[in-house]
């Protein structure tokens, strides 16, 4: 019931929807590579043209070290946008 009342995904613009998805994936997995984030996003979100701009707004990029890939980490100011009822966390 809470999910139904709080899920407002149908009223978000494509940019807002992609932003929410990225924020929640970065929240769950503290550091993610660009390719892993693209794999985690839905197909419709993966095709959004402004993903890199959104990533620059919400995450800090950490350069690759030795055998690691570069990774994104969610900026602290975006933590307040975390929603425990986000559909990603639901079995439904």
N, C-alpha and C. Protein backbone atom coordinates (compact mmCIF):
# COMPACT_ATOMS: atom_id res chain seq x y z
N UNK A 1 0.83 -1.19 0.00
CA UNK A 1 0.00 0.00 0.00
C UNK A 1 0.87 1.25 0.00
N UNK A 2 1.92 1.24 0.82
CA UNK A 2 2.82 2.40 0.87
C UNK A 2 3.44 2.63 -0.49
N UNK A 3 3.87 1.55 -1.15
CA UNK A 3 4.49 1.66 -2.47
C UNK A 3 3.54 2.31 -3.46
N UNK A 4 2.30 1.90 -3.44
CA UNK A 4 1.31 2.46 -4.37
C UNK A 4 1.11 3.95 -4.12
N UNK A 5 1.04 4.33 -2.85
CA UNK A 5 0.81 5.73 -2.52
C UNK A 5 2.02 6.62 -2.79
N UNK A 6 3.22 6.07 -2.64
CA UNK A 6 4.42 6.88 -2.78
C UNK A 6 5.06 6.81 -4.17
N UNK A 7 4.74 5.81 -4.96
CA UNK A 7 5.36 5.67 -6.27
C UNK A 7 4.79 6.71 -7.22
N UNK A 8 5.63 7.66 -7.57
CA UNK A 8 5.21 8.74 -8.46
C UNK A 8 5.99 8.70 -9.76
N UNK A 9 6.51 7.53 -10.12
CA UNK A 9 7.38 7.40 -11.28
C UNK A 9 6.70 7.84 -12.57
N UNK A 10 5.39 7.78 -12.62
CA UNK A 10 4.69 8.17 -13.84
C UNK A 10 4.67 9.69 -14.03
N UNK A 11 5.00 10.46 -13.00
CA UNK A 11 4.97 11.92 -13.14
C UNK A 11 6.36 12.52 -13.33
N UNK A 12 7.41 11.69 -13.32
CA UNK A 12 8.77 12.20 -13.50
C UNK A 12 9.09 12.35 -14.98
N UNK A 13 9.88 13.38 -15.28
CA UNK A 13 10.39 13.53 -16.64
C UNK A 13 11.41 12.42 -16.87
N UNK A 14 11.77 12.16 -18.13
CA UNK A 14 12.81 11.14 -18.38
C UNK A 14 14.10 11.43 -17.62
N UNK A 15 14.52 12.70 -17.58
CA UNK A 15 15.75 13.05 -16.88
C UNK A 15 15.63 12.74 -15.39
N UNK A 16 14.51 13.11 -14.78
CA UNK A 16 14.31 12.85 -13.35
C UNK A 16 14.27 11.35 -13.06
N UNK A 17 13.66 10.61 -13.94
CA UNK A 17 13.55 9.17 -13.77
C UNK A 17 14.94 8.51 -13.83
N UNK A 18 15.75 8.92 -14.80
CA UNK A 18 17.12 8.39 -14.92
C UNK A 18 17.93 8.79 -13.69
N UNK A 19 17.79 10.04 -13.28
CA UNK A 19 18.52 10.54 -12.11
C UNK A 19 18.18 9.71 -10.87
N UNK A 20 16.90 9.47 -10.64
CA UNK A 20 16.47 8.67 -9.48
C UNK A 20 17.06 7.27 -9.54
N UNK A 21 17.02 6.66 -10.71
CA UNK A 21 17.57 5.32 -10.86
C UNK A 21 19.06 5.28 -10.54
N UNK A 22 19.81 6.23 -11.10
CA UNK A 22 21.25 6.28 -10.85
C UNK A 22 21.55 6.53 -9.37
N UNK A 23 20.83 7.44 -8.76
CA UNK A 23 21.05 7.73 -7.34
C UNK A 23 20.83 6.47 -6.50
N UNK A 24 19.78 5.74 -6.79
CA UNK A 24 19.49 4.56 -5.99
C UNK A 24 20.48 3.43 -6.24
N UNK A 25 20.95 3.25 -7.45
CA UNK A 25 21.96 2.23 -7.70
C UNK A 25 23.27 2.61 -7.04
N UNK A 26 23.62 3.90 -7.08
CA UNK A 26 24.86 4.33 -6.42
C UNK A 26 24.74 4.27 -4.90
N UNK A 27 23.56 4.45 -4.39
CA UNK A 27 23.36 4.36 -2.94
C UNK A 27 23.54 2.91 -2.47
N UNK A 28 22.97 1.99 -3.20
CA UNK A 28 23.03 0.57 -2.82
C UNK A 28 24.46 0.03 -2.95
N UNK A 29 25.13 0.38 -4.03
CA UNK A 29 26.50 -0.08 -4.28
C UNK A 29 27.39 1.15 -4.33
N UNK A 30 28.09 1.40 -3.26
CA UNK A 30 28.77 2.67 -3.05
C UNK A 30 29.58 3.16 -4.24
N UNK A 31 30.31 2.29 -4.89
CA UNK A 31 31.09 2.69 -6.06
C UNK A 31 30.73 1.79 -7.23
N UNK A 32 30.51 2.42 -8.39
CA UNK A 32 30.13 1.68 -9.58
C UNK A 32 30.90 2.21 -10.79
N UNK A 33 31.24 1.31 -11.69
CA UNK A 33 31.82 1.74 -12.95
C UNK A 33 30.70 2.22 -13.86
N UNK A 34 31.07 2.96 -14.88
CA UNK A 34 30.10 3.45 -15.86
C UNK A 34 29.39 2.27 -16.52
N UNK A 35 30.14 1.28 -16.94
CA UNK A 35 29.52 0.13 -17.63
C UNK A 35 28.58 -0.64 -16.72
N UNK A 36 28.92 -0.78 -15.44
CA UNK A 36 28.05 -1.49 -14.50
C UNK A 36 26.75 -0.71 -14.30
N UNK A 37 26.85 0.61 -14.17
CA UNK A 37 25.64 1.43 -14.03
C UNK A 37 24.75 1.30 -15.25
N UNK A 38 25.34 1.28 -16.44
CA UNK A 38 24.53 1.15 -17.65
C UNK A 38 23.84 -0.21 -17.68
N UNK A 39 24.52 -1.23 -17.19
CA UNK A 39 23.92 -2.56 -17.14
C UNK A 39 22.76 -2.61 -16.15
N UNK A 40 22.87 -1.90 -15.05
CA UNK A 40 21.85 -1.92 -14.01
C UNK A 40 20.60 -1.13 -14.38
N UNK A 41 20.76 -0.11 -15.21
CA UNK A 41 19.61 0.71 -15.59
C UNK A 41 18.69 -0.04 -16.54
N UNK A 42 17.43 0.34 -16.54
CA UNK A 42 16.49 -0.26 -17.49
C UNK A 42 16.90 0.16 -18.91
N UNK A 43 16.45 -0.58 -19.89
CA UNK A 43 16.81 -0.30 -21.28
C UNK A 43 16.41 1.11 -21.70
N UNK A 44 15.23 1.54 -21.29
CA UNK A 44 14.78 2.89 -21.66
C UNK A 44 15.67 3.96 -21.04
N UNK A 45 16.16 3.72 -19.84
CA UNK A 45 17.05 4.68 -19.19
C UNK A 45 18.44 4.67 -19.82
N UNK A 46 18.89 3.49 -20.23
CA UNK A 46 20.21 3.39 -20.86
C UNK A 46 20.30 4.21 -22.14
N UNK A 47 19.19 4.36 -22.82
CA UNK A 47 19.18 5.09 -24.09
C UNK A 47 19.04 6.60 -23.92
N UNK A 48 18.87 7.07 -22.69
CA UNK A 48 18.74 8.51 -22.44
C UNK A 48 20.06 9.19 -22.76
N UNK A 49 20.01 10.27 -23.53
CA UNK A 49 21.22 10.92 -24.05
C UNK A 49 22.01 11.70 -23.00
N UNK A 50 21.41 12.11 -21.90
CA UNK A 50 22.10 12.96 -20.93
C UNK A 50 22.64 12.24 -19.70
N UNK A 51 22.87 10.94 -19.80
CA UNK A 51 23.32 10.17 -18.63
C UNK A 51 24.62 10.70 -18.06
N UNK A 52 25.58 11.01 -18.91
CA UNK A 52 26.87 11.48 -18.40
C UNK A 52 26.74 12.81 -17.67
N UNK A 53 25.87 13.68 -18.16
CA UNK A 53 25.63 14.96 -17.47
C UNK A 53 25.02 14.72 -16.10
N UNK A 54 24.08 13.80 -16.02
CA UNK A 54 23.44 13.48 -14.74
C UNK A 54 24.48 12.89 -13.78
N UNK A 55 25.30 11.98 -14.28
CA UNK A 55 26.34 11.40 -13.43
C UNK A 55 27.27 12.47 -12.87
N UNK A 56 27.61 13.45 -13.68
CA UNK A 56 28.48 14.53 -13.21
C UNK A 56 27.80 15.37 -12.13
N UNK A 57 26.48 15.47 -12.18
CA UNK A 57 25.72 16.23 -11.17
C UNK A 57 25.64 15.49 -9.84
N UNK A 58 25.48 14.17 -9.90
CA UNK A 58 25.15 13.41 -8.69
C UNK A 58 26.31 12.60 -8.12
N UNK A 59 27.38 12.45 -8.87
CA UNK A 59 28.46 11.56 -8.42
C UNK A 59 29.83 12.16 -8.70
N UNK A 60 30.78 11.74 -7.89
CA UNK A 60 32.18 12.09 -8.10
C UNK A 60 32.85 10.92 -8.80
N UNK A 61 33.65 11.25 -9.81
CA UNK A 61 34.36 10.20 -10.54
C UNK A 61 35.73 10.00 -9.92
N UNK A 62 36.07 8.76 -9.65
CA UNK A 62 37.38 8.42 -9.09
C UNK A 62 38.17 7.73 -10.19
N UNK A 63 39.30 8.30 -10.53
CA UNK A 63 40.15 7.79 -11.60
C UNK A 63 40.56 6.34 -11.34
N UNK A 64 40.81 5.60 -12.43
CA UNK A 64 41.25 4.21 -12.26
C UNK A 64 42.61 4.12 -11.59
N UNK A 65 42.79 3.06 -10.82
CA UNK A 65 44.07 2.79 -10.15
C UNK A 65 44.53 1.39 -10.55
N UNK A 66 45.74 1.28 -11.01
CA UNK A 66 46.33 0.01 -11.42
C UNK A 66 45.37 -0.84 -12.23
N UNK A 67 44.85 -1.90 -11.65
CA UNK A 67 43.98 -2.80 -12.41
C UNK A 67 42.49 -2.53 -12.19
N UNK A 68 42.14 -1.48 -11.46
CA UNK A 68 40.74 -1.13 -11.24
C UNK A 68 40.26 -0.20 -12.35
N UNK A 69 38.98 -0.19 -12.55
CA UNK A 69 38.36 0.74 -13.49
C UNK A 69 37.98 2.01 -12.73
N UNK A 70 37.79 3.11 -13.46
CA UNK A 70 37.29 4.32 -12.83
C UNK A 70 35.90 4.06 -12.28
N UNK A 71 35.58 4.71 -11.17
CA UNK A 71 34.29 4.45 -10.51
C UNK A 71 33.62 5.75 -10.09
N UNK A 72 32.29 5.68 -10.04
CA UNK A 72 31.48 6.80 -9.58
C UNK A 72 31.04 6.53 -8.15
N UNK A 73 31.04 7.60 -7.35
CA UNK A 73 30.56 7.53 -5.97
C UNK A 73 29.54 8.65 -5.77
N UNK A 74 28.41 8.31 -5.20
CA UNK A 74 27.33 9.27 -4.98
C UNK A 74 27.79 10.44 -4.12
N UNK A 75 27.48 11.65 -4.54
CA UNK A 75 27.81 12.84 -3.75
C UNK A 75 26.94 12.86 -2.50
N UNK A 76 27.52 13.34 -1.41
CA UNK A 76 26.81 13.35 -0.12
C UNK A 76 25.50 14.12 -0.19
N UNK A 77 25.46 15.21 -0.94
CA UNK A 77 24.24 16.01 -0.99
C UNK A 77 23.08 15.29 -1.70
N UNK A 78 23.37 14.22 -2.40
CA UNK A 78 22.31 13.46 -3.08
C UNK A 78 21.72 12.36 -2.20
N UNK A 79 22.34 12.10 -1.07
CA UNK A 79 21.84 11.05 -0.18
C UNK A 79 20.43 11.37 0.32
N UNK A 80 20.10 12.63 0.42
CA UNK A 80 18.76 13.00 0.90
C UNK A 80 17.67 12.61 -0.10
N UNK A 81 18.03 12.29 -1.33
CA UNK A 81 17.06 11.89 -2.35
C UNK A 81 16.76 10.39 -2.31
N UNK A 82 17.45 9.68 -1.44
CA UNK A 82 17.21 8.24 -1.30
C UNK A 82 15.79 7.99 -0.80
N UNK A 83 15.14 7.00 -1.39
CA UNK A 83 13.76 6.65 -1.03
C UNK A 83 13.70 5.15 -0.76
N UNK A 84 13.46 4.78 0.48
CA UNK A 84 13.44 3.36 0.85
C UNK A 84 12.34 2.59 0.10
N UNK A 85 11.33 3.28 -0.40
CA UNK A 85 10.24 2.63 -1.12
C UNK A 85 10.43 2.66 -2.64
N UNK A 86 11.62 3.02 -3.08
CA UNK A 86 11.92 3.05 -4.51
C UNK A 86 11.65 1.66 -5.10
N UNK A 87 11.01 1.56 -6.27
CA UNK A 87 10.64 0.26 -6.84
C UNK A 87 11.79 -0.74 -6.99
N UNK A 88 13.00 -0.26 -7.09
CA UNK A 88 14.17 -1.13 -7.19
C UNK A 88 14.25 -2.10 -6.02
N UNK A 89 13.79 -1.70 -4.86
CA UNK A 89 13.92 -2.49 -3.65
C UNK A 89 12.72 -3.39 -3.39
N UNK A 90 11.79 -3.40 -4.28
CA UNK A 90 10.57 -4.16 -4.07
C UNK A 90 10.58 -5.46 -4.86
N UNK A 91 9.94 -6.49 -4.33
CA UNK A 91 9.80 -7.75 -5.06
C UNK A 91 8.69 -7.67 -6.10
N UNK A 92 7.85 -6.67 -5.98
CA UNK A 92 6.69 -6.56 -6.88
C UNK A 92 7.11 -6.18 -8.27
